[in-house]
């Protein structure tokens, strides 16, 4: 999958958006999932349609994926995945779920707690009364947890637009 990101990310940026996550799912048919947002962090239905059209043209011309597939463009949503180091700094103060690639020294891979931001290249999280430090490259998946605080912040941002 990582071989597609350097090909597709510049096309997403050329259309005026930032790539949040890219996945190629295989099942009965393949689906290329593109999650993106505007530079200000927003993404509405019109944005998804605009980006989908731009990427369809690009993908038809470049043909980076073998065989038939469906293109799915979406916004990150309120309980968004955290995929870039900047996401962990930006969303500090909110609850997050983090799953590590490998278990820590205590044999634990999954954590849920208060995101404290970054310390260099390490992600800081407070969970179960302890502070944890994870190397960014050791995180398999991370996402925000839907909380009243997160919903209130999202509503405030939408009203400000």
N, C-alpha and C. Protein backbone atom coordinates (compact mmCIF):
# COMPACT_ATOMS: atom_id res chain seq x y z
N UNK A 1 0.82 -1.19 0.00
CA UNK A 1 0.00 0.00 0.00
C UNK A 1 0.86 1.25 0.00
N UNK A 2 1.93 1.22 0.75
CA UNK A 2 2.75 2.42 0.87
C UNK A 2 3.32 2.86 -0.48
N UNK A 3 3.37 1.93 -1.46
CA UNK A 3 3.86 2.31 -2.79
C UNK A 3 2.89 3.25 -3.50
N UNK A 4 1.61 3.26 -3.11
CA UNK A 4 0.63 4.14 -3.75
C UNK A 4 0.66 5.57 -3.20
N UNK A 5 1.04 5.73 -1.93
CA UNK A 5 0.99 7.06 -1.33
C UNK A 5 1.84 8.09 -2.07
N UNK A 6 3.10 7.80 -2.44
CA UNK A 6 3.88 8.81 -3.15
C UNK A 6 3.31 9.15 -4.54
N UNK A 7 2.51 8.27 -5.08
CA UNK A 7 1.89 8.51 -6.39
C UNK A 7 0.62 9.35 -6.23
N UNK A 8 -0.19 9.01 -5.24
CA UNK A 8 -1.52 9.62 -5.09
C UNK A 8 -1.49 10.90 -4.26
N UNK A 9 -0.63 10.98 -3.25
CA UNK A 9 -0.61 12.16 -2.38
C UNK A 9 -0.38 13.47 -3.14
N UNK A 10 0.55 13.53 -4.10
CA UNK A 10 0.71 14.78 -4.86
C UNK A 10 -0.55 15.18 -5.64
N UNK A 11 -1.31 14.19 -6.12
CA UNK A 11 -2.55 14.49 -6.85
C UNK A 11 -3.61 15.04 -5.89
N UNK A 12 -3.66 14.51 -4.67
CA UNK A 12 -4.59 15.02 -3.66
C UNK A 12 -4.22 16.47 -3.32
N UNK A 13 -2.93 16.72 -3.13
CA UNK A 13 -2.47 18.07 -2.80
C UNK A 13 -2.68 19.05 -3.96
N UNK A 14 -2.50 18.58 -5.20
CA UNK A 14 -2.71 19.44 -6.37
C UNK A 14 -4.18 19.87 -6.47
N UNK A 15 -5.08 19.04 -5.95
CA UNK A 15 -6.51 19.37 -5.95
C UNK A 15 -6.87 20.29 -4.78
N UNK A 16 -5.89 20.57 -3.90
CA UNK A 16 -6.13 21.49 -2.78
C UNK A 16 -6.46 20.84 -1.46
N UNK A 17 -6.13 19.57 -1.30
CA UNK A 17 -6.46 18.84 -0.08
C UNK A 17 -5.22 18.19 0.52
N UNK A 18 -5.38 17.70 1.77
CA UNK A 18 -4.31 16.95 2.44
C UNK A 18 -4.78 15.51 2.61
N UNK A 19 -3.90 14.57 2.27
CA UNK A 19 -4.21 13.15 2.44
C UNK A 19 -4.14 12.79 3.92
N UNK A 20 -5.21 12.18 4.43
CA UNK A 20 -5.24 11.73 5.82
C UNK A 20 -4.90 10.25 5.88
N UNK A 21 -5.56 9.47 5.02
CA UNK A 21 -5.30 8.03 5.00
C UNK A 21 -5.62 7.47 3.63
N UNK A 22 -4.86 6.46 3.24
CA UNK A 22 -5.06 5.79 1.96
C UNK A 22 -5.03 4.29 2.23
N UNK A 23 -6.06 3.60 1.75
CA UNK A 23 -6.12 2.15 1.93
C UNK A 23 -6.62 1.50 0.65
N UNK A 24 -6.05 0.36 0.32
CA UNK A 24 -6.55 -0.45 -0.79
C UNK A 24 -7.10 -1.73 -0.18
N UNK A 25 -8.41 -1.88 -0.25
CA UNK A 25 -9.07 -3.03 0.36
C UNK A 25 -9.40 -4.06 -0.72
N UNK A 26 -9.08 -5.29 -0.46
CA UNK A 26 -9.38 -6.36 -1.41
C UNK A 26 -10.47 -7.24 -0.83
N UNK A 27 -11.41 -7.56 -1.63
CA UNK A 27 -12.50 -8.47 -1.27
C UNK A 27 -13.00 -9.05 -2.56
N UNK A 28 -14.33 -9.11 -2.73
CA UNK A 28 -14.87 -9.53 -4.03
C UNK A 28 -14.37 -8.58 -5.11
N UNK A 29 -14.32 -7.30 -4.74
CA UNK A 29 -13.75 -6.31 -5.64
C UNK A 29 -12.83 -5.41 -4.80
N UNK A 30 -11.89 -4.75 -5.46
CA UNK A 30 -10.96 -3.86 -4.76
C UNK A 30 -11.59 -2.49 -4.57
N UNK A 31 -11.27 -1.85 -3.45
CA UNK A 31 -11.71 -0.49 -3.18
C UNK A 31 -10.51 0.33 -2.73
N UNK A 32 -10.30 1.45 -3.41
CA UNK A 32 -9.26 2.40 -3.00
C UNK A 32 -9.95 3.45 -2.16
N UNK A 33 -9.64 3.47 -0.85
CA UNK A 33 -10.21 4.44 0.07
C UNK A 33 -9.24 5.59 0.26
N UNK A 34 -9.71 6.79 -0.02
CA UNK A 34 -8.94 8.01 0.18
C UNK A 34 -9.66 8.84 1.21
N UNK A 35 -9.01 9.14 2.31
CA UNK A 35 -9.56 10.02 3.32
C UNK A 35 -8.73 11.29 3.26
N UNK A 36 -9.40 12.43 3.10
CA UNK A 36 -8.69 13.69 2.92
C UNK A 36 -9.43 14.83 3.62
N UNK A 37 -8.75 15.97 3.68
CA UNK A 37 -9.35 17.16 4.27
C UNK A 37 -8.75 18.40 3.63
N UNK A 38 -9.44 19.51 3.77
CA UNK A 38 -8.89 20.78 3.33
C UNK A 38 -7.77 21.17 4.29
N UNK A 39 -6.92 22.12 3.89
CA UNK A 39 -5.85 22.56 4.80
C UNK A 39 -6.36 23.05 6.15
N UNK A 40 -7.60 23.56 6.20
CA UNK A 40 -8.15 24.04 7.48
C UNK A 40 -8.77 22.91 8.30
N UNK A 41 -8.69 21.67 7.80
CA UNK A 41 -9.19 20.52 8.55
C UNK A 41 -10.63 20.16 8.27
N UNK A 42 -11.31 20.90 7.40
CA UNK A 42 -12.70 20.60 7.09
C UNK A 42 -12.78 19.78 5.80
N UNK A 43 -13.94 19.18 5.58
CA UNK A 43 -14.17 18.41 4.35
C UNK A 43 -15.66 18.15 4.28
N UNK A 44 -16.33 18.68 3.25
CA UNK A 44 -17.76 18.44 3.11
C UNK A 44 -18.05 17.56 1.90
N UNK A 45 -19.32 17.30 1.64
CA UNK A 45 -19.72 16.41 0.55
C UNK A 45 -19.25 16.96 -0.81
N UNK A 46 -19.36 18.27 -1.00
CA UNK A 46 -18.90 18.88 -2.26
C UNK A 46 -17.40 18.68 -2.45
N UNK A 47 -16.65 18.80 -1.36
CA UNK A 47 -15.20 18.57 -1.42
C UNK A 47 -14.90 17.13 -1.83
N UNK A 48 -15.65 16.19 -1.24
CA UNK A 48 -15.44 14.77 -1.58
C UNK A 48 -15.71 14.53 -3.06
N UNK A 49 -16.78 15.13 -3.58
CA UNK A 49 -17.11 14.96 -5.00
C UNK A 49 -16.03 15.59 -5.88
N UNK A 50 -15.57 16.79 -5.51
CA UNK A 50 -14.54 17.47 -6.30
C UNK A 50 -13.24 16.65 -6.33
N UNK A 51 -12.83 16.16 -5.16
CA UNK A 51 -11.60 15.37 -5.09
C UNK A 51 -11.77 14.05 -5.82
N UNK A 52 -12.93 13.43 -5.71
CA UNK A 52 -13.18 12.17 -6.40
C UNK A 52 -13.04 12.34 -7.92
N UNK A 53 -13.61 13.42 -8.46
CA UNK A 53 -13.49 13.68 -9.90
C UNK A 53 -12.03 13.89 -10.30
N UNK A 54 -11.31 14.71 -9.52
CA UNK A 54 -9.90 14.98 -9.83
C UNK A 54 -9.07 13.70 -9.78
N UNK A 55 -9.30 12.87 -8.75
CA UNK A 55 -8.53 11.64 -8.62
C UNK A 55 -8.91 10.61 -9.68
N UNK A 56 -10.18 10.56 -10.06
CA UNK A 56 -10.60 9.62 -11.11
C UNK A 56 -9.85 9.90 -12.40
N UNK A 57 -9.77 11.18 -12.77
CA UNK A 57 -9.03 11.55 -13.98
C UNK A 57 -7.55 11.18 -13.85
N UNK A 58 -6.97 11.49 -12.70
CA UNK A 58 -5.56 11.20 -12.46
C UNK A 58 -5.30 9.69 -12.51
N UNK A 59 -6.13 8.92 -11.83
CA UNK A 59 -5.94 7.47 -11.76
C UNK A 59 -6.16 6.81 -13.12
N UNK A 60 -7.11 7.32 -13.88
CA UNK A 60 -7.32 6.79 -15.23
C UNK A 60 -6.08 7.02 -16.10
N UNK A 61 -5.47 8.18 -15.95
CA UNK A 61 -4.29 8.52 -16.76
C UNK A 61 -3.05 7.75 -16.29
N UNK A 62 -2.84 7.69 -14.98
CA UNK A 62 -1.63 7.06 -14.42
C UNK A 62 -1.72 5.54 -14.31
N UNK A 63 -2.93 5.04 -14.04
CA UNK A 63 -3.19 3.61 -13.91
C UNK A 63 -2.22 2.90 -12.94
N UNK A 64 -2.13 3.38 -11.66
CA UNK A 64 -1.18 2.78 -10.72
C UNK A 64 -1.65 1.48 -10.05
N UNK A 65 -2.93 1.13 -10.26
CA UNK A 65 -3.49 -0.05 -9.60
C UNK A 65 -3.93 -1.04 -10.66
N UNK A 66 -3.46 -2.27 -10.51
CA UNK A 66 -3.78 -3.31 -11.49
C UNK A 66 -5.22 -3.77 -11.31
N UNK A 67 -5.92 -3.91 -12.41
CA UNK A 67 -7.27 -4.45 -12.37
C UNK A 67 -8.33 -3.40 -12.05
N UNK A 68 -9.55 -3.91 -11.88
CA UNK A 68 -10.70 -3.06 -11.58
C UNK A 68 -10.74 -2.75 -10.08
N UNK A 69 -11.21 -1.54 -9.76
CA UNK A 69 -11.38 -1.16 -8.35
C UNK A 69 -12.36 0.00 -8.29
N UNK A 70 -12.93 0.21 -7.11
CA UNK A 70 -13.81 1.34 -6.86
C UNK A 70 -13.03 2.38 -6.07
N UNK A 71 -13.29 3.65 -6.38
CA UNK A 71 -12.67 4.76 -5.65
C UNK A 71 -13.67 5.29 -4.64
N UNK A 72 -13.24 5.41 -3.39
CA UNK A 72 -14.09 5.92 -2.32
C UNK A 72 -13.36 7.08 -1.65
N UNK A 73 -13.94 8.28 -1.73
CA UNK A 73 -13.33 9.47 -1.12
C UNK A 73 -14.21 9.91 0.04
N UNK A 74 -13.60 10.15 1.21
CA UNK A 74 -14.37 10.56 2.37
C UNK A 74 -13.60 11.56 3.22
N UNK A 75 -14.33 12.14 4.16
CA UNK A 75 -13.71 13.03 5.15
C UNK A 75 -13.25 12.17 6.33
N UNK A 76 -12.34 12.70 7.16
CA UNK A 76 -11.88 11.92 8.31
C UNK A 76 -12.96 11.73 9.37
N UNK A 77 -13.97 12.59 9.40
CA UNK A 77 -15.01 12.51 10.43
C UNK A 77 -14.53 13.09 11.75
N UNK A 78 -15.44 13.17 12.70
CA UNK A 78 -15.10 13.77 14.00
C UNK A 78 -14.10 12.88 14.75
N UNK A 79 -14.37 11.57 14.79
CA UNK A 79 -13.48 10.64 15.50
C UNK A 79 -12.44 10.09 14.52
N UNK A 80 -11.73 11.01 13.95
CA UNK A 80 -10.78 10.79 12.86
C UNK A 80 -9.58 9.93 13.23
N UNK A 81 -9.01 9.28 12.23
CA UNK A 81 -7.75 8.58 12.48
C UNK A 81 -6.62 9.59 12.64
N UNK A 82 -5.64 9.23 13.41
CA UNK A 82 -4.45 10.06 13.61
C UNK A 82 -3.34 9.37 12.84
N UNK A 83 -2.92 9.96 11.73
CA UNK A 83 -1.99 9.28 10.84
C UNK A 83 -0.66 10.00 10.68
N UNK A 84 -0.61 11.29 11.00
CA UNK A 84 0.62 12.07 10.87
C UNK A 84 1.06 12.53 12.24
N UNK A 85 2.35 12.79 12.40
CA UNK A 85 2.83 13.28 13.69
C UNK A 85 2.09 14.55 14.08
N UNK A 86 1.84 15.42 13.10
CA UNK A 86 1.16 16.69 13.40
C UNK A 86 -0.24 16.45 13.97
N UNK A 87 -0.89 15.33 13.63
CA UNK A 87 -2.21 15.02 14.18
C UNK A 87 -2.14 14.86 15.70
N UNK A 88 -1.08 14.22 16.18
CA UNK A 88 -0.96 13.96 17.62
C UNK A 88 -0.73 15.26 18.39
N UNK A 89 -0.05 16.22 17.77
CA UNK A 89 0.13 17.53 18.42
C UNK A 89 -1.16 18.33 18.34
N UNK A 90 -1.79 18.33 17.17
CA UNK A 90 -3.01 19.13 16.96
C UNK A 90 -4.15 18.69 17.87
N UNK A 91 -4.28 17.40 18.12
CA UNK A 91 -5.41 16.89 18.89
C UNK A 91 -5.07 16.58 20.34
N UNK A 92 -3.94 17.11 20.82
CA UNK A 92 -3.59 16.95 22.24
C UNK A 92 -4.72 17.51 23.09
N UNK A 93 -5.01 16.83 24.20
CA UNK A 93 -6.09 17.26 25.08
C UNK A 93 -7.38 16.50 24.83
N UNK A 94 -7.39 15.65 23.80
CA UNK A 94 -8.57 14.83 23.49
C UNK A 94 -8.25 13.37 23.74
N UNK A 95 -9.32 12.58 23.93
CA UNK A 95 -9.14 11.14 24.13
C UNK A 95 -8.80 10.46 22.81
N UNK A 96 -7.94 9.46 22.88
CA UNK A 96 -7.55 8.72 21.69
C UNK A 96 -7.36 7.24 22.03
N UNK A 97 -7.51 6.42 21.01
CA UNK A 97 -7.19 5.00 21.09
C UNK A 97 -5.94 4.80 20.25
N UNK A 98 -4.98 4.08 20.80
CA UNK A 98 -3.73 3.80 20.09
C UNK A 98 -3.46 2.30 20.15
N UNK A 99 -3.13 1.75 18.99
CA UNK A 99 -2.72 0.35 18.93
C UNK A 99 -1.30 0.31 18.39
N UNK A 100 -0.45 -0.39 19.10
CA UNK A 100 0.96 -0.48 18.72
C UNK A 100 1.20 -1.63 17.74
N UNK A 101 2.26 -1.51 16.97
CA UNK A 101 2.67 -2.59 16.07
C UNK A 101 3.08 -3.80 16.90
N UNK A 102 3.88 -3.56 17.95
CA UNK A 102 4.35 -4.62 18.84
C UNK A 102 3.97 -4.26 20.27
N UNK A 103 3.70 -5.26 21.08
CA UNK A 103 3.35 -5.02 22.48
C UNK A 103 4.52 -4.35 23.20
N UNK A 104 4.17 -3.51 24.20
CA UNK A 104 5.22 -2.86 25.00
C UNK A 104 5.82 -3.87 25.98
N UNK A 105 6.73 -3.41 26.81
CA UNK A 105 7.42 -4.32 27.74
C UNK A 105 6.48 -5.03 28.71
N UNK A 106 5.28 -4.46 28.92
CA UNK A 106 4.30 -5.09 29.79
C UNK A 106 3.37 -6.03 29.01
N UNK A 107 3.62 -6.18 27.69
CA UNK A 107 2.82 -7.09 26.88
C UNK A 107 1.53 -6.48 26.37
N UNK A 108 1.43 -5.16 26.43
CA UNK A 108 0.20 -4.48 26.04
C UNK A 108 0.36 -3.80 24.68
N UNK A 109 -0.68 -3.92 23.84
CA UNK A 109 -0.66 -3.29 22.51
C UNK A 109 -1.70 -2.19 22.35
N UNK A 110 -2.78 -2.22 23.14
CA UNK A 110 -3.89 -1.27 22.97
C UNK A 110 -3.99 -0.35 24.17
N UNK A 111 -4.19 0.93 23.87
CA UNK A 111 -4.28 1.95 24.90
C UNK A 111 -5.40 2.92 24.56
N UNK A 112 -6.08 3.42 25.59
CA UNK A 112 -7.09 4.46 25.42
C UNK A 112 -6.88 5.45 26.54
N UNK A 113 -6.71 6.73 26.15
CA UNK A 113 -6.49 7.73 27.18
C UNK A 113 -6.41 9.13 26.60
N UNK A 114 -5.88 10.04 27.40
CA UNK A 114 -5.77 11.44 27.03
C UNK A 114 -4.50 11.67 26.23
N UNK A 115 -4.66 12.17 25.03
CA UNK A 115 -3.52 12.46 24.17
C UNK A 115 -2.81 13.70 24.70
N UNK A 116 -1.50 13.57 24.96
CA UNK A 116 -0.73 14.67 25.52
C UNK A 116 0.13 15.39 24.48
N UNK A 117 0.13 14.88 23.25
CA UNK A 117 0.92 15.51 22.20
C UNK A 117 2.19 14.75 21.90
N UNK A 118 3.21 15.50 21.46
CA UNK A 118 4.48 14.90 21.04
C UNK A 118 5.62 15.31 21.95
N UNK A 119 6.59 14.42 22.06
CA UNK A 119 7.87 14.72 22.69
C UNK A 119 8.91 14.26 21.67
N UNK A 120 9.35 15.18 20.82
CA UNK A 120 10.23 14.81 19.71
C UNK A 120 9.43 14.00 18.72
N UNK A 121 9.87 12.75 18.47
CA UNK A 121 9.15 11.85 17.56
C UNK A 121 8.27 10.86 18.31
N UNK A 122 8.11 11.07 19.60
CA UNK A 122 7.32 10.16 20.42
C UNK A 122 5.95 10.75 20.73
N UNK A 123 4.94 9.88 20.73
CA UNK A 123 3.58 10.26 21.07
C UNK A 123 3.39 10.03 22.56
N UNK A 124 2.80 11.02 23.24
CA UNK A 124 2.58 10.94 24.68
C UNK A 124 1.09 10.73 24.94
N UNK A 125 0.79 9.78 25.84
CA UNK A 125 -0.59 9.45 26.19
C UNK A 125 -0.68 9.18 27.67
N UNK A 126 -1.74 9.68 28.30
CA UNK A 126 -2.01 9.38 29.71
C UNK A 126 -3.17 8.40 29.75
N UNK A 127 -2.94 7.22 30.30
CA UNK A 127 -3.97 6.19 30.36
C UNK A 127 -3.83 5.41 31.66
N UNK A 128 -4.94 5.09 32.26
CA UNK A 128 -4.96 4.27 33.49
C UNK A 128 -4.05 4.85 34.57
N UNK A 129 -3.99 6.17 34.69
CA UNK A 129 -3.20 6.81 35.73
C UNK A 129 -1.70 6.84 35.46
N UNK A 130 -1.27 6.45 34.28
CA UNK A 130 0.16 6.46 33.93
C UNK A 130 0.37 7.22 32.63
N UNK A 131 1.59 7.71 32.46
CA UNK A 131 1.96 8.36 31.20
C UNK A 131 2.76 7.37 30.36
N UNK A 132 2.41 7.32 29.09
CA UNK A 132 3.10 6.42 28.17
C UNK A 132 3.72 7.23 27.05
N UNK A 133 4.82 6.71 26.53
CA UNK A 133 5.54 7.34 25.43
C UNK A 133 5.75 6.28 24.37
N UNK A 134 5.22 6.53 23.17
CA UNK A 134 5.32 5.57 22.08
C UNK A 134 6.07 6.19 20.91
N UNK A 135 7.04 5.49 20.33
CA UNK A 135 7.65 6.01 19.10
C UNK A 135 6.57 6.08 18.02
N UNK A 136 6.51 7.19 17.30
CA UNK A 136 5.51 7.37 16.24
C UNK A 136 5.54 6.19 15.28
N UNK A 137 6.73 5.74 14.90
CA UNK A 137 6.85 4.64 13.93
C UNK A 137 6.36 3.30 14.50
N UNK A 138 6.13 3.22 15.82
CA UNK A 138 5.66 1.99 16.44
C UNK A 138 4.15 1.91 16.58
N UNK A 139 3.45 2.93 16.05
CA UNK A 139 1.99 2.96 16.16
C UNK A 139 1.37 2.35 14.90
N UNK A 140 0.55 1.31 15.11
CA UNK A 140 -0.12 0.65 13.98
C UNK A 140 -1.35 1.45 13.57
N UNK A 141 -2.16 1.85 14.54
CA UNK A 141 -3.37 2.63 14.29
C UNK A 141 -3.66 3.51 15.48
N UNK A 142 -4.22 4.67 15.18
CA UNK A 142 -4.64 5.58 16.24
C UNK A 142 -5.82 6.38 15.75
N UNK A 143 -6.74 6.68 16.65
CA UNK A 143 -7.90 7.51 16.28
C UNK A 143 -8.43 8.22 17.50
N UNK A 144 -9.12 9.32 17.23
CA UNK A 144 -9.76 10.05 18.31
C UNK A 144 -10.99 9.27 18.78
N UNK A 145 -11.33 9.46 20.05
CA UNK A 145 -12.53 8.86 20.63
C UNK A 145 -13.61 9.93 20.62
N UNK A 146 -14.81 9.57 20.19
CA UNK A 146 -15.92 10.50 20.14
C UNK A 146 -16.35 10.86 21.56
N UNK A 147 -16.13 12.10 21.96
CA UNK A 147 -16.50 12.57 23.29
C UNK A 147 -17.32 13.85 23.15
N UNK A 148 -17.98 14.26 24.23
CA UNK A 148 -18.73 15.52 24.23
C UNK A 148 -17.80 16.69 23.93
N UNK A 149 -16.59 16.67 24.47
CA UNK A 149 -15.62 17.74 24.24
C UNK A 149 -15.26 17.84 22.76
N UNK A 150 -15.04 16.70 22.12
CA UNK A 150 -14.69 16.68 20.70
C UNK A 150 -15.85 17.17 19.85
N UNK A 151 -17.07 16.74 20.17
CA UNK A 151 -18.26 17.18 19.43
C UNK A 151 -18.45 18.69 19.58
N UNK A 152 -18.28 19.20 20.80
CA UNK A 152 -18.44 20.64 21.04
C UNK A 152 -17.40 21.44 20.25
N UNK A 153 -16.18 20.96 20.20
CA UNK A 153 -15.12 21.64 19.45
C UNK A 153 -15.43 21.63 17.95
N UNK A 154 -15.96 20.50 17.46
CA UNK A 154 -16.31 20.40 16.05
C UNK A 154 -17.45 21.36 15.70
N UNK A 155 -18.46 21.43 16.55
CA UNK A 155 -19.58 22.34 16.31
C UNK A 155 -19.11 23.80 16.31
N UNK A 156 -18.23 24.12 17.23
CA UNK A 156 -17.69 25.48 17.32
C UNK A 156 -16.93 25.84 16.03
N UNK A 157 -16.14 24.90 15.53
CA UNK A 157 -15.37 25.12 14.30
C UNK A 157 -16.30 25.29 13.10
N UNK A 158 -17.39 24.51 13.05
CA UNK A 158 -18.34 24.62 11.93
C UNK A 158 -19.05 25.97 11.95
N UNK A 159 -19.41 26.45 13.14
CA UNK A 159 -20.08 27.75 13.24
C UNK A 159 -19.16 28.89 12.84
N UNK A 160 -17.86 28.71 13.10
CA UNK A 160 -16.89 29.76 12.77
C UNK A 160 -16.68 29.88 11.26
N UNK A 161 -17.03 28.85 10.51
CA UNK A 161 -16.81 28.89 9.05
C UNK A 161 -17.74 29.85 8.40
